[in-house]
Amino acid sequence: MRVSARHRLGEFRLDVAFTGPKDGITMLFGPSGAGKSVTLAIVAGLVRADAAMVAVGDHVLTDTATRIAVPAERRRIGIVHQDARLFPHLSVDRNLTYGWRRAPKAASDGRRIERDAVIEVLAIGHLLDRRPLDLSGGERQRVAIGRALLSQPDLLLLDEPVSALDEARRGEVLGFIAALKRFGLPMLYVTHREDEVRLLGDHLVRIEAGRVVAEGTPAALLPSGLVTGEAVAPGLVRIGGETIAVPGLDAPVGAAVRVSW
């Protein structure tokens, strides 16, 4: 994945350039208003930048220099938003198959994501006959992720996909997102939360005020060390005034735990 973009929105100027690995999760990390979601929209083809180049693998999706602009609906990009945006009148099963039946048989590189594998990884088999209104917020997000995966995308975009969830559901869904790496596709994930970068990130692009200020691995760019926190729920630890997700942690509520930070 290669991205460069310059764009002006009123007084805000975006000027970014970065690359991401061919699989795993690239974290687009920075404070609110830094330009993360605009960058994601440019990659998706939903915003036409003043100048841009976007390529996924060998496929150039945008190149203003040569007037290449593949329409958003032809980009083979899956998108997961903050809200699930499921079809309320369809069952979970029909929401999943809506994209699957209309998708190409495989991604551009020949990789195919199977329906049964998605249902297993996201643990949604028991939800297939339900409708979105009968699901929790975390369950709806898992279904939205599954629907995006079954469109056989060349790239999966996740725009703060757990920001609307409570802390317990957020930690749960983050664990499922981490498991998506088994499918071997590149993912671009927008967040302002450092614990999500530490948990999920294979590559980190730090953006501030419309500029990339650092790029590399999370281990190289973020401070590290062991800290003591308090277990507040399964998979959740409070450190100072912040609650972070630690999937797999099974400690009694109130217990002191040591985690890498």
C-alpha atoms as a PDB file:
ATOM      1  CA  MET A   1       0.000   0.000   0.000  1.00  0.00           C
ATOM      2  CA  ARG A   2       1.360   3.410  -1.024  1.00  0.00           C
ATOM      3  CA  VAL A   3      -0.409   6.658  -0.218  1.00  0.00           C
ATOM      4  CA  SER A   4       0.449  10.286  -0.834  1.00  0.00           C
ATOM      5  CA  ALA A   5      -2.064  13.114  -0.754  1.00  0.00           C
ATOM      6  CA  ARG A   6      -2.261  16.874  -0.621  1.00  0.00           C
ATOM      7  CA  HIS A   7      -5.610  18.472  -0.001  1.00  0.00           C
ATOM      8  CA  ARG A   8      -7.014  21.694   1.379  1.00  0.00           C
ATOM      9  CA  LEU A   9     -10.251  21.914   3.354  1.00  0.00           C
ATOM     10  CA  GLY A  10     -10.817  25.540   4.309  1.00  0.00           C
ATOM     11  CA  GLU A  11      -7.891  26.507   6.521  1.00  0.00           C
ATOM     12  CA  PHE A  12      -6.838  22.882   7.035  1.00  0.00           C
ATOM     13  CA  ARG A  13      -4.060  21.539   4.819  1.00  0.00           C
ATOM     14  CA  LEU A  14      -3.381  17.824   4.460  1.00  0.00           C
ATOM     15  CA  ASP A  15       0.026  16.755   3.157  1.00  0.00           C
ATOM     16  CA  VAL A  16       0.795  13.086   3.872  1.00  0.00           C
ATOM     17  CA  ALA A  17       2.854  10.281   2.374  1.00  0.00           C
ATOM     18  CA  PHE A  18       3.347   6.777   3.764  1.00  0.00           C
ATOM     19  CA  THR A  19       3.555   3.107   2.865  1.00  0.00           C
ATOM     20  CA  GLY A  20       2.096   0.021   4.506  1.00  0.00           C
ATOM     21  CA  PRO A  21       2.973  -3.696   4.431  1.00  0.00           C
ATOM     22  CA  LYS A  22       1.215  -6.080   2.067  1.00  0.00           C
ATOM     23  CA  ASP A  23      -0.575  -7.677   5.014  1.00  0.00           C
ATOM     24  CA  GLY A  24      -1.185  -6.878   8.674  1.00  0.00           C
ATOM     25  CA  ILE A  25      -2.489  -3.664  10.196  1.00  0.00           C
ATOM     26  CA  THR A  26      -1.157  -0.186   9.473  1.00  0.00           C
ATOM     27  CA  MET A  27      -2.275   2.195  12.212  1.00  0.00           C
ATOM     28  CA  LEU A  28      -3.049   5.787  11.219  1.00  0.00           C
ATOM     29  CA  PHE A  29      -2.671   7.335  14.660  1.00  0.00           C
ATOM     30  CA  GLY A  30      -3.087  10.880  15.936  1.00  0.00           C
ATOM     31  CA  PRO A  31      -5.356  13.316  17.762  1.00  0.00           C
ATOM     32  CA  SER A  32      -8.822  14.314  16.612  1.00  0.00           C
ATOM     33  CA  GLY A  33      -8.683  16.752  13.711  1.00  0.00           C
ATOM     34  CA  ALA A  34      -5.257  15.549  12.532  1.00  0.00           C
ATOM     35  CA  GLY A  35      -6.556  14.449   9.119  1.00  0.00           C
ATOM     36  CA  LYS A  36      -6.802  10.698   9.667  1.00  0.00           C
ATOM     37  CA  SER A  37     -10.368  10.176   8.449  1.00  0.00           C
ATOM     38  CA  VAL A  38      -9.870  12.501   5.467  1.00  0.00           C
ATOM     39  CA  THR A  39      -6.843  10.432   4.480  1.00  0.00           C
ATOM     40  CA  LEU A  40      -8.925   7.265   4.761  1.00  0.00           C
ATOM     41  CA  ALA A  41     -11.650   8.814   2.587  1.00  0.00           C
ATOM     42  CA  ILE A  42      -9.066   9.716  -0.067  1.00  0.00           C
ATOM     43  CA  VAL A  43      -7.812   6.110  -0.084  1.00  0.00           C
ATOM     44  CA  ALA A  44     -11.401   4.871  -0.425  1.00  0.00           C
ATOM     45  CA  GLY A  45     -12.097   7.252  -3.305  1.00  0.00           C
ATOM     46  CA  LEU A  46     -14.780   9.118  -1.360  1.00  0.00           C
ATOM     47  CA  VAL A  47     -12.824  12.396  -1.408  1.00  0.00           C
ATOM     48  CA  ARG A  48     -10.964  13.614  -4.491  1.00  0.00           C
ATOM     49  CA  ALA A  49      -7.726  15.189  -3.283  1.00  0.00           C
ATOM     50  CA  ASP A  50      -6.057  18.157  -4.917  1.00  0.00           C
ATOM     51  CA  ALA A  51      -3.072  15.889  -5.617  1.00  0.00           C
ATOM     52  CA  ALA A  52      -2.759  12.216  -4.722  1.00  0.00           C
ATOM     53  CA  MET A  53      -1.368   8.793  -5.516  1.00  0.00           C
ATOM     54  CA  VAL A  54      -2.932   5.684  -4.000  1.00  0.00           C
ATOM     55  CA  ALA A  55      -1.822   2.156  -4.874  1.00  0.00           C
ATOM     56  CA  VAL A  56      -2.657  -1.232  -3.365  1.00  0.00           C
ATOM     57  CA  GLY A  57      -0.248  -3.912  -4.494  1.00  0.00           C
ATOM     58  CA  ASP A  58       0.287  -3.445  -8.219  1.00  0.00           C
ATOM     59  CA  HIS A  59      -3.006  -1.607  -8.696  1.00  0.00           C
ATOM     60  CA  VAL A  60      -2.958   2.189  -8.904  1.00  0.00           C
ATOM     61  CA  LEU A  61      -6.302   3.552  -7.731  1.00  0.00           C
ATOM     62  CA  THR A  62      -5.540   7.264  -7.826  1.00  0.00           C
ATOM     63  CA  ASP A  63      -2.826   9.209  -9.599  1.00  0.00           C
ATOM     64  CA  THR A  64      -3.704  12.806 -10.285  1.00  0.00           C
ATOM     65  CA  ALA A  65      -0.501  13.226 -12.301  1.00  0.00           C
ATOM     66  CA  THR A  66      -1.733  10.724 -14.904  1.00  0.00           C
ATOM     67  CA  ARG A  67      -5.464  11.340 -14.304  1.00  0.00           C
ATOM     68  CA  ILE A  68      -6.140   7.889 -12.901  1.00  0.00           C
ATOM     69  CA  ALA A  69      -9.180   7.897 -10.615  1.00  0.00           C
ATOM     70  CA  VAL A  70     -10.816   4.507 -10.110  1.00  0.00           C
ATOM     71  CA  PRO A  71     -14.391   5.100  -8.842  1.00  0.00           C
ATOM     72  CA  ALA A  72     -15.002   4.198  -5.204  1.00  0.00           C
ATOM     73  CA  GLU A  73     -17.392   1.368  -6.099  1.00  0.00           C
ATOM     74  CA  ARG A  74     -14.710  -0.321  -8.240  1.00  0.00           C
ATOM     75  CA  ARG A  75     -11.830  -0.077  -5.776  1.00  0.00           C
ATOM     76  CA  ARG A  76     -12.282  -3.458  -4.086  1.00  0.00           C
ATOM     77  CA  ILE A  77     -11.906  -1.826  -0.697  1.00  0.00           C
ATOM     78  CA  GLY A  78     -13.890  -2.887   2.359  1.00  0.00           C
ATOM     79  CA  ILE A  79     -14.812  -0.198   4.887  1.00  0.00           C
ATOM     80  CA  VAL A  80     -15.846  -0.528   8.532  1.00  0.00           C
ATOM     81  CA  HIS A  81     -17.183   2.682  10.101  1.00  0.00           C
ATOM     82  CA  GLN A  82     -17.715   3.758  13.709  1.00  0.00           C
ATOM     83  CA  ASP A  83     -21.334   2.649  13.377  1.00  0.00           C
ATOM     84  CA  ALA A  84     -22.134  -0.727  11.843  1.00  0.00           C
ATOM     85  CA  ARG A  85     -24.479   0.517   9.086  1.00  0.00           C
ATOM     86  CA  LEU A  86     -26.154  -2.871   8.722  1.00  0.00           C
ATOM     87  CA  PHE A  87     -29.389  -3.340   6.787  1.00  0.00           C
ATOM     88  CA  PRO A  88     -31.974  -3.328   9.607  1.00  0.00           C
ATOM     89  CA  HIS A  89     -34.563  -5.347   7.667  1.00  0.00           C
ATOM     90  CA  LEU A  90     -32.152  -8.202   6.879  1.00  0.00           C
ATOM     91  CA  SER A  91     -30.947 -10.992   9.139  1.00  0.00           C
ATOM     92  CA  VAL A  92     -27.281 -11.240  10.079  1.00  0.00           C
ATOM     93  CA  ASP A  93     -26.901 -14.048   7.545  1.00  0.00           C
ATOM     94  CA  ARG A  94     -28.398 -11.941   4.748  1.00  0.00           C
ATOM     95  CA  ASN A  95     -26.295  -8.931   5.746  1.00  0.00           C
ATOM     96  CA  LEU A  96     -23.199 -11.103   5.391  1.00  0.00           C
ATOM     97  CA  THR A  97     -24.204 -12.633   2.089  1.00  0.00           C
ATOM     98  CA  TYR A  98     -25.307  -9.298   0.613  1.00  0.00           C
ATOM     99  CA  GLY A  99     -21.699  -8.442  -0.164  1.00  0.00           C
ATOM    100  CA  TRP A 100     -20.492 -12.016  -0.582  1.00  0.00           C
ATOM    101  CA  ARG A 101     -22.871 -12.902  -3.423  1.00  0.00           C
ATOM    102  CA  ARG A 102     -22.056  -9.707  -5.304  1.00  0.00           C
ATOM    103  CA  ALA A 103     -18.295  -9.904  -4.757  1.00  0.00           C
ATOM    104  CA  PRO A 104     -15.659 -11.264  -7.123  1.00  0.00           C
ATOM    105  CA  LYS A 105     -14.704 -14.870  -6.443  1.00  0.00           C
ATOM    106  CA  ALA A 106     -11.372 -13.752  -4.988  1.00  0.00           C
ATOM    107  CA  ALA A 107      -9.237 -10.704  -4.296  1.00  0.00           C
ATOM    108  CA  SER A 108      -6.945  -9.440  -7.043  1.00  0.00           C
ATOM    109  CA  ASP A 109      -4.044 -11.557  -5.756  1.00  0.00           C
ATOM    110  CA  GLY A 110      -6.145 -14.742  -5.820  1.00  0.00           C
ATOM    111  CA  ARG A 111      -6.763 -14.790  -2.074  1.00  0.00           C
ATOM    112  CA  ARG A 112     -10.313 -15.805  -1.133  1.00  0.00           C
ATOM    113  CA  ILE A 113     -11.945 -15.256   2.231  1.00  0.00           C
ATOM    114  CA  GLU A 114     -14.482 -17.987   2.928  1.00  0.00           C
ATOM    115  CA  ARG A 115     -17.812 -17.336   4.594  1.00  0.00           C
ATOM    116  CA  ASP A 116     -17.450 -20.137   7.148  1.00  0.00           C
ATOM    117  CA  ALA A 117     -14.002 -18.888   8.158  1.00  0.00           C
ATOM    118  CA  VAL A 118     -15.345 -15.372   8.750  1.00  0.00           C
ATOM    119  CA  ILE A 119     -18.232 -16.679  10.848  1.00  0.00           C
ATOM    120  CA  GLU A 120     -15.802 -18.756  12.913  1.00  0.00           C
ATOM    121  CA  VAL A 121     -13.186 -16.040  13.473  1.00  0.00           C
ATOM    122  CA  LEU A 122     -15.793 -13.442  14.460  1.00  0.00           C
ATOM    123  CA  ALA A 123     -17.827 -15.944  16.537  1.00  0.00           C
ATOM    124  CA  ILE A 124     -21.143 -14.924  14.992  1.00  0.00           C
ATOM    125  CA  GLY A 125     -22.579 -18.325  14.051  1.00  0.00           C
ATOM    126  CA  HIS A 126     -25.236 -18.118  16.778  1.00  0.00           C
ATOM    127  CA  LEU A 127     -26.375 -14.708  15.497  1.00  0.00           C
ATOM    128  CA  LEU A 128     -27.175 -15.611  11.888  1.00  0.00           C
ATOM    129  CA  ASP A 129     -30.968 -15.629  12.255  1.00  0.00           C
ATOM    130  CA  ARG A 130     -31.155 -12.399  14.262  1.00  0.00           C
ATOM    131  CA  ARG A 131     -31.709  -8.891  12.965  1.00  0.00           C
ATOM    132  CA  PRO A 132     -29.439  -5.945  13.799  1.00  0.00           C
ATOM    133  CA  LEU A 133     -31.871  -4.438  16.333  1.00  0.00           C
ATOM    134  CA  ASP A 134     -31.554  -7.635  18.390  1.00  0.00           C
ATOM    135  CA  LEU A 135     -27.749  -7.374  18.623  1.00  0.00           C
ATOM    136  CA  SER A 136     -25.441  -5.576  21.023  1.00  0.00           C
ATOM    137  CA  GLY A 137     -23.193  -2.827  19.673  1.00  0.00           C
ATOM    138  CA  GLY A 138     -20.203  -5.152  19.694  1.00  0.00           C
ATOM    139  CA  GLU A 139     -22.112  -7.869  17.854  1.00  0.00           C
ATOM    140  CA  ARG A 140     -23.219  -5.393  15.194  1.00  0.00           C
ATOM    141  CA  GLN A 141     -19.624  -4.302  14.626  1.00  0.00           C
ATOM    142  CA  ARG A 142     -18.486  -7.912  14.267  1.00  0.00           C
ATOM    143  CA  VAL A 143     -21.157  -8.483  11.622  1.00  0.00           C
ATOM    144  CA  ALA A 144     -20.122  -5.279   9.826  1.00  0.00           C
ATOM    145  CA  ILE A 145     -16.520  -6.483   9.786  1.00  0.00           C
ATOM    146  CA  GLY A 146     -17.640  -9.839   8.419  1.00  0.00           C
ATOM    147  CA  ARG A 147     -19.682  -8.236   5.653  1.00  0.00           C
ATOM    148  CA  ALA A 148     -16.693  -6.096   4.626  1.00  0.00           C
ATOM    149  CA  LEU A 149     -14.387  -9.129   4.568  1.00  0.00           C
ATOM    150  CA  LEU A 150     -16.771 -11.160   2.419  1.00  0.00           C
ATOM    151  CA  SER A 151     -16.678  -8.515  -0.307  1.00  0.00           C
ATOM    152  CA  GLN A 152     -13.212 -10.009  -1.056  1.00  0.00           C
ATOM    153  CA  PRO A 153     -11.389  -6.684  -0.662  1.00  0.00           C
ATOM    154  CA  ASP A 154      -7.803  -5.964  -1.645  1.00  0.00           C
ATOM    155  CA  LEU A 155      -7.661  -3.585   1.341  1.00  0.00           C
ATOM    156  CA  LEU A 156      -9.744  -3.240   4.513  1.00  0.00           C
ATOM    157  CA  LEU A 157     -10.246   0.237   6.002  1.00  0.00           C
ATOM    158  CA  LEU A 158     -11.347   0.589   9.637  1.00  0.00           C
ATOM    159  CA  ASP A 159     -12.310   4.108  10.746  1.00  0.00           C
ATOM    160  CA  GLU A 160     -12.252   4.090  14.578  1.00  0.00           C
ATOM    161  CA  PRO A 161     -14.395   0.928  14.528  1.00  0.00           C
ATOM    162  CA  VAL A 162     -14.683   0.577  18.324  1.00  0.00           C
ATOM    163  CA  SER A 163     -14.983   4.223  19.361  1.00  0.00           C
ATOM    164  CA  ALA A 164     -18.774   4.037  19.805  1.00  0.00           C
ATOM    165  CA  LEU A 165     -18.606   0.988  22.115  1.00  0.00           C
ATOM    166  CA  ASP A 166     -18.380   0.835  25.894  1.00  0.00           C
ATOM    167  CA  GLU A 167     -15.056  -0.317  27.341  1.00  0.00           C
ATOM    168  CA  ALA A 168     -16.065  -3.964  27.780  1.00  0.00           C
ATOM    169  CA  ARG A 169     -17.369  -4.295  24.218  1.00  0.00           C
ATOM    170  CA  ARG A 170     -14.393  -2.339  22.865  1.00  0.00           C
ATOM    171  CA  GLY A 171     -11.904  -4.770  24.368  1.00  0.00           C
ATOM    172  CA  GLU A 172     -13.896  -7.716  23.049  1.00  0.00           C
ATOM    173  CA  VAL A 173     -14.072  -6.416  19.474  1.00  0.00           C
ATOM    174  CA  LEU A 174     -10.378  -5.459  19.466  1.00  0.00           C
ATOM    175  CA  GLY A 175      -9.556  -9.100  20.134  1.00  0.00           C
ATOM    176  CA  PHE A 176     -11.596 -10.133  17.096  1.00  0.00           C
ATOM    177  CA  ILE A 177      -9.913  -7.485  14.927  1.00  0.00           C
ATOM    178  CA  ALA A 178      -6.499  -8.815  15.955  1.00  0.00           C
ATOM    179  CA  ALA A 179      -7.612 -12.250  14.738  1.00  0.00           C
ATOM    180  CA  LEU A 180      -8.307 -10.885  11.232  1.00  0.00           C
ATOM    181  CA  LYS A 181      -4.582 -11.025  10.469  1.00  0.00           C
ATOM    182  CA  ARG A 182      -5.001 -14.701   9.617  1.00  0.00           C
ATOM    183  CA  PHE A 183      -6.697 -13.659   6.364  1.00  0.00           C
ATOM    184  CA  GLY A 184      -3.480 -12.084   5.055  1.00  0.00           C
ATOM    185  CA  LEU A 185      -4.872  -8.832   3.663  1.00  0.00           C
ATOM    186  CA  PRO A 186      -3.613  -5.287   4.299  1.00  0.00           C
ATOM    187  CA  MET A 187      -5.634  -3.179   6.714  1.00  0.00           C
ATOM    188  CA  LEU A 188      -5.535   0.563   7.416  1.00  0.00           C
ATOM    189  CA  TYR A 189      -6.898   1.407  10.867  1.00  0.00           C
ATOM    190  CA  VAL A 190      -7.664   4.930  12.124  1.00  0.00           C
ATOM    191  CA  THR A 191      -7.431   5.597  15.864  1.00  0.00           C
ATOM    192  CA  HIS A 192      -6.523   8.200  18.469  1.00  0.00           C
ATOM    193  CA  ARG A 193      -5.947   5.537  21.166  1.00  0.00           C
ATOM    194  CA  GLU A 194      -2.411   4.421  21.932  1.00  0.00           C
ATOM    195  CA  ASP A 195      -3.501   1.116  23.480  1.00  0.00           C
ATOM    196  CA  GLU A 196      -5.122   0.121  20.172  1.00  0.00           C
ATOM    197  CA  VAL A 197      -1.863   0.866  18.366  1.00  0.00           C
ATOM    198  CA  ARG A 198       0.064  -1.316  20.812  1.00  0.00           C
ATOM    199  CA  LEU A 199      -2.439  -4.153  20.604  1.00  0.00           C
ATOM    200  CA  LEU A 200      -3.075  -4.266  16.862  1.00  0.00           C
ATOM    201  CA  GLY A 201      -0.375  -2.406  14.980  1.00  0.00           C
ATOM    202  CA  ASP A 202       2.211  -3.961  12.692  1.00  0.00           C
ATOM    203  CA  HIS A 203       3.112  -0.585  11.192  1.00  0.00           C
ATOM    204  CA  LEU A 204       2.503   2.881  12.628  1.00  0.00           C
ATOM    205  CA  VAL A 205       1.927   6.160  10.809  1.00  0.00           C
ATOM    206  CA  ARG A 206       1.664   9.029  13.263  1.00  0.00           C
ATOM    207  CA  ILE A 207      -0.144  12.080  11.901  1.00  0.00           C
ATOM    208  CA  GLU A 208      -0.513  15.523  13.467  1.00  0.00           C
ATOM    209  CA  ALA A 209      -2.026  18.684  11.971  1.00  0.00           C
ATOM    210  CA  GLY A 210      -2.252  17.098   8.532  1.00  0.00           C
ATOM    211  CA  ARG A 211       1.371  15.898   8.419  1.00  0.00           C
ATOM    212  CA  VAL A 212       3.069  12.537   8.970  1.00  0.00           C
ATOM    213  CA  VAL A 213       5.449  13.129  11.878  1.00  0.00           C
ATOM    214  CA  ALA A 214       6.702   9.549  12.357  1.00  0.00           C
ATOM    215  CA  GLU A 215       6.488   6.184  10.600  1.00  0.00           C
ATOM    216  CA  GLY A 216       7.775   2.761  11.629  1.00  0.00           C
ATOM    217  CA  THR A 217       6.922  -0.086  13.984  1.00  0.00           C
ATOM    218  CA  PRO A 218       4.955   0.642  17.161  1.00  0.00           C
ATOM    219  CA  ALA A 219       7.764  -0.907  19.212  1.00  0.00           C
ATOM    220  CA  ALA A 220      10.248   1.568  17.765  1.00  0.00           C
ATOM    221  CA  LEU A 221       8.061   4.669  17.988  1.00  0.00           C
ATOM    222  CA  LEU A 222       6.187   4.263  21.267  1.00  0.00           C
ATOM    223  CA  PRO A 223       7.728   4.309  24.758  1.00  0.00           C
ATOM    224  CA  SER A 224       7.789   0.929  26.455  1.00  0.00           C
ATOM    225  CA  GLY A 225       7.984  -0.564  29.920  1.00  0.00           C
ATOM    226  CA  LEU A 226       6.055  -2.529  32.523  1.00  0.00           C
ATOM    227  CA  VAL A 227       3.391  -0.723  34.508  1.00  0.00           C
ATOM    228  CA  THR A 228       0.949  -1.778  37.202  1.00  0.00           C
ATOM    229  CA  GLY A 229      -2.764  -1.412  36.629  1.00  0.00           C
ATOM    230  CA  GLU A 230      -6.052  -2.599  38.095  1.00  0.00           C
ATOM    231  CA  ALA A 231      -8.211  -5.268  36.454  1.00  0.00           C
ATOM    232  CA  VAL A 232     -11.685  -3.788  35.992  1.00  0.00           C
ATOM    233  CA  ALA A 233     -13.262  -6.515  33.810  1.00  0.00           C
ATOM    234  CA  PRO A 234     -12.114  -9.514  31.753  1.00  0.00           C
ATOM    235  CA  GLY A 235      -9.583  -8.187  29.242  1.00  0.00           C
ATOM    236  CA  LEU A 236      -9.606  -4.631  30.646  1.00  0.00           C
ATOM    237  CA  VAL A 237      -7.042  -2.861  32.853  1.00  0.00           C
ATOM    238  CA  ARG A 238      -7.174   0.661  34.277  1.00  0.00           C
ATOM    239  CA  ILE A 239      -3.816   2.460  34.208  1.00  0.00           C
ATOM    240  CA  GLY A 240      -3.986   5.911  35.725  1.00  0.00           C
ATOM    241  CA  GLY A 241      -7.177   7.430  34.370  1.00  0.00           C
ATOM    242  CA  GLU A 242      -7.310   5.318  31.200  1.00  0.00           C
ATOM    243  CA  THR A 243      -8.827   1.881  30.605  1.00  0.00           C
ATOM    244  CA  ILE A 244      -6.938  -0.251  28.100  1.00  0.00           C
ATOM    245  CA  ALA A 245      -7.781  -3.536  26.396  1.00  0.00           C
ATOM    246  CA  VAL A 246      -5.669  -6.604  27.165  1.00  0.00           C
ATOM    247  CA  PRO A 247      -7.430  -9.485  25.358  1.00  0.00           C
ATOM    248  CA  GLY A 248      -6.933 -12.827  27.075  1.00  0.00           C
ATOM    249  CA  LEU A 249      -6.382 -11.311  30.525  1.00  0.00           C
ATOM    250  CA  ASP A 250      -8.341 -13.264  33.131  1.00  0.00           C
ATOM    251  CA  ALA A 251      -7.773 -11.659  36.518  1.00  0.00           C
ATOM    252  CA  PRO A 252     -10.240 -10.967  39.341  1.00  0.00           C
ATOM    253  CA  VAL A 253     -11.791  -7.509  39.302  1.00  0.00           C
ATOM    254  CA  GLY A 254      -9.704  -5.240  41.500  1.00  0.00           C
ATOM    255  CA  ALA A 255      -6.528  -7.322  41.190  1.00  0.00           C
ATOM    256  CA  ALA A 256      -3.231  -5.560  40.510  1.00  0.00           C
ATOM    257  CA  VAL A 257      -1.724  -6.690  37.204  1.00  0.00           C
ATOM    258  CA  ARG A 258       1.526  -5.902  35.404  1.00  0.00           C
ATOM    259  CA  VAL A 259       1.315  -5.174  31.691  1.00  0.00           C
ATOM    260  CA  SER A 260       3.741  -4.019  29.026  1.00  0.00           C
ATOM    261  CA  TRP A 261       3.229  -0.379  28.140  1.00  0.00           C
END
